[in-house]
Amino acid sequence: MLSDPFFILVAVACLAVLVILIMGINSFRIGDAESAKRSNKYMRWRIAAQFVAVLLILAFVYFRRRSGG
């Protein structure tokens, strides 16, 4: 499974969601007005990245079931 490029793409997308989440939490932790704006921006990015990751996971499962693997 690790040699499957689609699986690697899904893993990278999930890792990107995690990194964006950590960046948003870290930015929120600082507490000033500018960091709050930055944190909100990161959270919007996280929602978009999470949407892409979920779509990739669904596509991965769909194609794996169709191919019988």
PDB file of N, CA and C in Angstrom:
ATOM      1  N   MET A   1       0.821  -1.187   0.000  1.00  0.00           N
ATOM      2  CA  MET A   1       0.000   0.000   0.000  1.00  0.00           C
ATOM      3  C   MET A   1       0.870   1.259   0.000  1.00  0.00           C
ATOM      4  N   LEU A   2       2.014   1.214   0.635  1.00  0.00           N
ATOM      5  CA  LEU A   2       2.885   2.385   0.685  1.00  0.00           C
ATOM      6  C   LEU A   2       3.471   2.735  -0.674  1.00  0.00           C
ATOM      7  N   SER A   3       3.461   1.795  -1.601  1.00  0.00           N
ATOM      8  CA  SER A   3       3.966   2.086  -2.941  1.00  0.00           C
ATOM      9  C   SER A   3       2.888   2.693  -3.831  1.00  0.00           C
ATOM     10  N   ASP A   4       1.655   2.749  -3.340  1.00  0.00           N
ATOM     11  CA  ASP A   4       0.551   3.322  -4.094  1.00  0.00           C
ATOM     12  C   ASP A   4       0.647   4.850  -4.052  1.00  0.00           C
ATOM     13  N   PRO A   5       0.837   5.501  -5.194  1.00  0.00           N
ATOM     14  CA  PRO A   5       0.992   6.965  -5.186  1.00  0.00           C
ATOM     15  C   PRO A   5      -0.263   7.683  -4.683  1.00  0.00           C
ATOM     16  N   PHE A   6      -1.430   7.103  -4.892  1.00  0.00           N
ATOM     17  CA  PHE A   6      -2.661   7.724  -4.422  1.00  0.00           C
ATOM     18  C   PHE A   6      -2.721   7.710  -2.897  1.00  0.00           C
ATOM     19  N   PHE A   7      -2.252   6.625  -2.288  1.00  0.00           N
ATOM     20  CA  PHE A   7      -2.187   6.545  -0.830  1.00  0.00           C
ATOM     21  C   PHE A   7      -1.230   7.590  -0.278  1.00  0.00           C
ATOM     22  N   ILE A   8      -0.104   7.758  -0.935  1.00  0.00           N
ATOM     23  CA  ILE A   8       0.878   8.766  -0.507  1.00  0.00           C
ATOM     24  C   ILE A   8       0.272  10.164  -0.603  1.00  0.00           C
ATOM     25  N   LEU A   9      -0.499  10.424  -1.655  1.00  0.00           N
ATOM     26  CA  LEU A   9      -1.164  11.716  -1.816  1.00  0.00           C
ATOM     27  C   LEU A   9      -2.161  11.959  -0.684  1.00  0.00           C
ATOM     28  N   VAL A  10      -2.906  10.931  -0.311  1.00  0.00           N
ATOM     29  CA  VAL A  10      -3.852  11.044   0.795  1.00  0.00           C
ATOM     30  C   VAL A  10      -3.107  11.323   2.095  1.00  0.00           C
ATOM     31  N   ALA A  11      -2.008  10.629   2.322  1.00  0.00           N
ATOM     32  CA  ALA A  11      -1.226  10.831   3.544  1.00  0.00           C
ATOM     33  C   ALA A  11      -0.656  12.251   3.600  1.00  0.00           C
ATOM     34  N   VAL A  12      -0.173  12.749   2.483  1.00  0.00           N
ATOM     35  CA  VAL A  12       0.366  14.115   2.436  1.00  0.00           C
ATOM     36  C   VAL A  12      -0.747  15.131   2.702  1.00  0.00           C
ATOM     37  N   ALA A  13      -1.929  14.901   2.160  1.00  0.00           N
ATOM     38  CA  ALA A  13      -3.053  15.813   2.394  1.00  0.00           C
ATOM     39  C   ALA A  13      -3.428  15.825   3.877  1.00  0.00           C
ATOM     40  N   CYS A  14      -3.449  14.676   4.504  1.00  0.00           N
ATOM     41  CA  CYS A  14      -3.761  14.618   5.935  1.00  0.00           C
ATOM     42  C   CYS A  14      -2.674  15.297   6.765  1.00  0.00           C
ATOM     43  N   LEU A  15      -1.439  15.114   6.382  1.00  0.00           N
ATOM     44  CA  LEU A  15      -0.332  15.777   7.076  1.00  0.00           C
ATOM     45  C   LEU A  15      -0.422  17.296   6.910  1.00  0.00           C
ATOM     46  N   ALA A  16      -0.819  17.758   5.724  1.00  0.00           N
ATOM     47  CA  ALA A  16      -0.980  19.197   5.490  1.00  0.00           C
ATOM     48  C   ALA A  16      -2.068  19.763   6.399  1.00  0.00           C
ATOM     49  N   VAL A  17      -3.158  19.031   6.585  1.00  0.00           N
ATOM     50  CA  VAL A  17      -4.219  19.474   7.494  1.00  0.00           C
ATOM     51  C   VAL A  17      -3.662  19.610   8.906  1.00  0.00           C
ATOM     52  N   LEU A  18      -2.888  18.638   9.334  1.00  0.00           N
ATOM     53  CA  LEU A  18      -2.309  18.672  10.675  1.00  0.00           C
ATOM     54  C   LEU A  18      -1.368  19.868  10.848  1.00  0.00           C
ATOM     55  N   VAL A  19      -0.530  20.114   9.854  1.00  0.00           N
ATOM     56  CA  VAL A  19       0.414  21.239   9.940  1.00  0.00           C
ATOM     57  C   VAL A  19      -0.337  22.568  10.005  1.00  0.00           C
ATOM     58  N   ILE A  20      -1.352  22.730   9.166  1.00  0.00           N
ATOM     59  CA  ILE A  20      -2.126  23.977   9.174  1.00  0.00           C
ATOM     60  C   ILE A  20      -2.846  24.137  10.509  1.00  0.00           C
ATOM     61  N   LEU A  21      -3.378  23.050  11.060  1.00  0.00           N
ATOM     62  CA  LEU A  21      -4.039  23.105  12.356  1.00  0.00           C
ATOM     63  C   LEU A  21      -3.070  23.560  13.445  1.00  0.00           C
ATOM     64  N   ILE A  22      -1.887  23.002  13.464  1.00  0.00           N
ATOM     65  CA  ILE A  22      -0.889  23.377  14.466  1.00  0.00           C
ATOM     66  C   ILE A  22      -0.484  24.836  14.301  1.00  0.00           C
ATOM     67  N   MET A  23      -0.319  25.289  13.063  1.00  0.00           N
ATOM     68  CA  MET A  23       0.022  26.692  12.827  1.00  0.00           C
ATOM     69  C   MET A  23      -1.088  27.610  13.339  1.00  0.00           C
ATOM     70  N   GLY A  24      -2.334  27.243  13.100  1.00  0.00           N
ATOM     71  CA  GLY A  24      -3.460  28.049  13.568  1.00  0.00           C
ATOM     72  C   GLY A  24      -3.551  28.098  15.075  1.00  0.00           C
ATOM     73  N   ILE A  25      -3.364  26.964  15.721  1.00  0.00           N
ATOM     74  CA  ILE A  25      -3.404  26.929  17.184  1.00  0.00           C
ATOM     75  C   ILE A  25      -2.254  27.736  17.763  1.00  0.00           C
ATOM     76  N   ASN A  26      -1.078  27.603  17.182  1.00  0.00           N
ATOM     77  CA  ASN A  26       0.083  28.346  17.661  1.00  0.00           C
ATOM     78  C   ASN A  26      -0.131  29.849  17.483  1.00  0.00           C
ATOM     79  N   SER A  27      -0.707  30.252  16.384  1.00  0.00           N
ATOM     80  CA  SER A  27      -0.978  31.663  16.149  1.00  0.00           C
ATOM     81  C   SER A  27      -2.032  32.186  17.124  1.00  0.00           C
ATOM     82  N   PHE A  28      -3.027  31.383  17.414  1.00  0.00           N
ATOM     83  CA  PHE A  28      -4.085  31.767  18.340  1.00  0.00           C
ATOM     84  C   PHE A  28      -3.547  31.915  19.764  1.00  0.00           C
ATOM     85  N   ARG A  29      -2.548  31.146  20.091  1.00  0.00           N
ATOM     86  CA  ARG A  29      -1.965  31.123  21.432  1.00  0.00           C
ATOM     87  C   ARG A  29      -1.336  32.466  21.806  1.00  0.00           C
ATOM     88  N   ILE A  30      -0.834  33.210  20.829  1.00  0.00           N
ATOM     89  CA  ILE A  30      -0.129  34.467  21.102  1.00  0.00           C
ATOM     90  C   ILE A  30      -1.088  35.502  21.709  1.00  0.00           C
ATOM     91  N   GLY A  31      -2.264  35.672  21.133  1.00  0.00           N
ATOM     92  CA  GLY A  31      -3.295  36.450  21.786  1.00  0.00           C
ATOM     93  C   GLY A  31      -3.506  37.885  21.350  1.00  0.00           C
ATOM     94  N   ASP A  32      -2.696  38.468  20.487  1.00  0.00           N
ATOM     95  CA  ASP A  32      -2.956  39.849  20.065  1.00  0.00           C
ATOM     96  C   ASP A  32      -3.917  39.863  18.873  1.00  0.00           C
ATOM     97  N   ALA A  33      -4.325  41.059  18.450  1.00  0.00           N
ATOM     98  CA  ALA A  33      -5.335  41.187  17.392  1.00  0.00           C
ATOM     99  C   ALA A  33      -4.816  40.660  16.056  1.00  0.00           C
ATOM    100  N   GLU A  34      -3.572  40.919  15.748  1.00  0.00           N
ATOM    101  CA  GLU A  34      -3.006  40.457  14.474  1.00  0.00           C
ATOM    102  C   GLU A  34      -2.919  38.931  14.431  1.00  0.00           C
ATOM    103  N   SER A  35      -2.546  38.316  15.531  1.00  0.00           N
ATOM    104  CA  SER A  35      -2.454  36.854  15.546  1.00  0.00           C
ATOM    105  C   SER A  35      -3.839  36.216  15.471  1.00  0.00           C
ATOM    106  N   ALA A  36      -4.858  36.897  15.986  1.00  0.00           N
ATOM    107  CA  ALA A  36      -6.220  36.369  15.869  1.00  0.00           C
ATOM    108  C   ALA A  36      -6.658  36.355  14.406  1.00  0.00           C
ATOM    109  N   LYS A  37      -6.324  37.389  13.661  1.00  0.00           N
ATOM    110  CA  LYS A  37      -6.641  37.419  12.231  1.00  0.00           C
ATOM    111  C   LYS A  37      -5.895  36.303  11.501  1.00  0.00           C
ATOM    112  N   ARG A  38      -4.622  36.140  11.850  1.00  0.00           N
ATOM    113  CA  ARG A  38      -3.810  35.093  11.224  1.00  0.00           C
ATOM    114  C   ARG A  38      -4.351  33.714  11.566  1.00  0.00           C
ATOM    115  N   SER A  39      -4.784  33.532  12.810  1.00  0.00           N
ATOM    116  CA  SER A  39      -5.343  32.256  13.235  1.00  0.00           C
ATOM    117  C   SER A  39      -6.616  31.940  12.460  1.00  0.00           C
ATOM    118  N   ASN A  40      -7.469  32.945  12.271  1.00  0.00           N
ATOM    119  CA  ASN A  40      -8.686  32.738  11.485  1.00  0.00           C
ATOM    120  C   ASN A  40      -8.363  32.360  10.047  1.00  0.00           C
ATOM    121  N   LYS A  41      -7.323  32.982   9.485  1.00  0.00           N
ATOM    122  CA  LYS A  41      -6.906  32.654   8.119  1.00  0.00           C
ATOM    123  C   LYS A  41      -6.435  31.201   8.048  1.00  0.00           C
ATOM    124  N   TYR A  42      -5.639  30.798   9.030  1.00  0.00           N
ATOM    125  CA  TYR A  42      -5.165  29.411   9.055  1.00  0.00           C
ATOM    126  C   TYR A  42      -6.326  28.426   9.193  1.00  0.00           C
ATOM    127  N   MET A  43      -7.310  28.779   9.986  1.00  0.00           N
ATOM    128  CA  MET A  43      -8.440  27.875  10.170  1.00  0.00           C
ATOM    129  C   MET A  43      -9.277  27.763   8.891  1.00  0.00           C
ATOM    130  N   ARG A  44      -9.382  28.857   8.131  1.00  0.00           N
ATOM    131  CA  ARG A  44     -10.068  28.762   6.832  1.00  0.00           C
ATOM    132  C   ARG A  44      -9.271  27.875   5.881  1.00  0.00           C
ATOM    133  N   TRP A  45      -7.957  28.011   5.906  1.00  0.00           N
ATOM    134  CA  TRP A  45      -7.112  27.137   5.085  1.00  0.00           C
ATOM    135  C   TRP A  45      -7.279  25.685   5.506  1.00  0.00           C
ATOM    136  N   ARG A  46      -7.399  25.459   6.825  1.00  0.00           N
ATOM    137  CA  ARG A  46      -7.545  24.094   7.321  1.00  0.00           C
ATOM    138  C   ARG A  46      -8.844  23.474   6.835  1.00  0.00           C
ATOM    139  N   ILE A  47      -9.919  24.259   6.840  1.00  0.00           N
ATOM    140  CA  ILE A  47     -11.199  23.738   6.360  1.00  0.00           C
ATOM    141  C   ILE A  47     -11.087  23.327   4.896  1.00  0.00           C
ATOM    142  N   ALA A  48     -10.443  24.167   4.086  1.00  0.00           N
ATOM    143  CA  ALA A  48     -10.273  23.844   2.666  1.00  0.00           C
ATOM    144  C   ALA A  48      -9.392  22.603   2.491  1.00  0.00           C
ATOM    145  N   ALA A  49      -8.289  22.543   3.233  1.00  0.00           N
ATOM    146  CA  ALA A  49      -7.390  21.391   3.128  1.00  0.00           C
ATOM    147  C   ALA A  49      -8.074  20.124   3.628  1.00  0.00           C
ATOM    148  N   GLN A  50      -8.877  20.252   4.655  1.00  0.00           N
ATOM    149  CA  GLN A  50      -9.594  19.104   5.186  1.00  0.00           C
ATOM    150  C   GLN A  50     -10.633  18.610   4.183  1.00  0.00           C
ATOM    151  N   PHE A  51     -11.287  19.510   3.497  1.00  0.00           N
ATOM    152  CA  PHE A  51     -12.247  19.139   2.459  1.00  0.00           C
ATOM    153  C   PHE A  51     -11.554  18.343   1.350  1.00  0.00           C
ATOM    154  N   VAL A  52     -10.404  18.844   0.910  1.00  0.00           N
ATOM    155  CA  VAL A  52      -9.642  18.145  -0.125  1.00  0.00           C
ATOM    156  C   VAL A  52      -9.204  16.770   0.380  1.00  0.00           C
ATOM    157  N   ALA A  53      -8.729  16.713   1.618  1.00  0.00           N
ATOM    158  CA  ALA A  53      -8.268  15.435   2.174  1.00  0.00           C
ATOM    159  C   ALA A  53      -9.409  14.420   2.251  1.00  0.00           C
ATOM    160  N   VAL A  54     -10.582  14.863   2.670  1.00  0.00           N
ATOM    161  CA  VAL A  54     -11.729  13.950   2.760  1.00  0.00           C
ATOM    162  C   VAL A  54     -12.127  13.455   1.372  1.00  0.00           C
ATOM    163  N   LEU A  55     -12.131  14.360   0.387  1.00  0.00           N
ATOM    164  CA  LEU A  55     -12.443  13.937  -0.983  1.00  0.00           C
ATOM    165  C   LEU A  55     -11.424  12.917  -1.493  1.00  0.00           C
ATOM    166  N   LEU A  56     -10.157  13.139  -1.204  1.00  0.00           N
ATOM    167  CA  LEU A  56      -9.118  12.193  -1.627  1.00  0.00           C
ATOM    168  C   LEU A  56      -9.282  10.840  -0.936  1.00  0.00           C
ATOM    169  N   ILE A  57      -9.633  10.864   0.354  1.00  0.00           N
ATOM    170  CA  ILE A  57      -9.849   9.607   1.076  1.00  0.00           C
ATOM    171  C   ILE A  57     -11.028   8.846   0.474  1.00  0.00           C
ATOM    172  N   LEU A  58     -12.113   9.554   0.207  1.00  0.00           N
ATOM    173  CA  LEU A  58     -13.277   8.902  -0.400  1.00  0.00           C
ATOM    174  C   LEU A  58     -12.945   8.328  -1.777  1.00  0.00           C
ATOM    175  N   ALA A  59     -12.206   9.085  -2.578  1.00  0.00           N
ATOM    176  CA  ALA A  59     -11.810   8.591  -3.900  1.00  0.00           C
ATOM    177  C   ALA A  59     -10.889   7.383  -3.772  1.00  0.00           C
ATOM    178  N   PHE A  60      -9.980   7.416  -2.814  1.00  0.00           N
ATOM    179  CA  PHE A  60      -9.062   6.299  -2.594  1.00  0.00           C
ATOM    180  C   PHE A  60      -9.839   5.032  -2.251  1.00  0.00           C
ATOM    181  N   VAL A  61     -10.781   5.151  -1.308  1.00  0.00           N
ATOM    182  CA  VAL A  61     -11.579   3.994  -0.906  1.00  0.00           C
ATOM    183  C   VAL A  61     -12.421   3.487  -2.079  1.00  0.00           C
ATOM    184  N   TYR A  62     -13.023   4.410  -2.812  1.00  0.00           N
ATOM    185  CA  TYR A  62     -13.859   4.027  -3.950  1.00  0.00           C
ATOM    186  C   TYR A  62     -13.057   3.246  -4.992  1.00  0.00           C
ATOM    187  N   PHE A  63     -11.906   3.768  -5.375  1.00  0.00           N
ATOM    188  CA  PHE A  63     -11.117   3.100  -6.416  1.00  0.00           C
ATOM    189  C   PHE A  63     -10.469   1.802  -5.916  1.00  0.00           C
ATOM    190  N   ARG A  64     -10.134   1.740  -4.635  1.00  0.00           N
ATOM    191  CA  ARG A  64      -9.586   0.496  -4.100  1.00  0.00           C
ATOM    192  C   ARG A  64     -10.649  -0.610  -4.099  1.00  0.00           C
ATOM    193  N   ARG A  65     -11.895  -0.253  -3.793  1.00  0.00           N
ATOM    194  CA  ARG A  65     -12.962  -1.249  -3.796  1.00  0.00           C
ATOM    195  C   ARG A  65     -13.278  -1.713  -5.214  1.00  0.00           C
ATOM    196  N   ARG A  66     -13.237  -0.790  -6.157  1.00  0.00           N
ATOM    197  CA  ARG A  66     -13.552  -1.159  -7.549  1.00  0.00           C
ATOM    198  C   ARG A  66     -12.462  -2.058  -8.126  1.00  0.00           C
ATOM    199  N   SER A  67     -11.226  -1.819  -7.725  1.00  0.00           N
ATOM    200  CA  SER A  67     -10.132  -2.625  -8.281  1.00  0.00           C
ATOM    201  C   SER A  67      -9.969  -3.949  -7.536  1.00  0.00           C
ATOM    202  N   GLY A  68     -10.666  -4.086  -6.410  1.00  0.00           N
ATOM    203  CA  GLY A  68     -10.603  -5.341  -5.672  1.00  0.00           C
ATOM    204  C   GLY A  68      -9.374  -5.467  -4.815  1.00  0.00           C
ATOM    205  N   GLY A  69      -8.642  -4.367  -4.611  1.00  0.00           N
ATOM    206  CA  GLY A  69      -7.399  -4.444  -3.846  1.00  0.00           C
ATOM    207  C   GLY A  69      -7.556  -3.903  -2.529  1.00  0.00           C
TER     208      GLY A  69
END
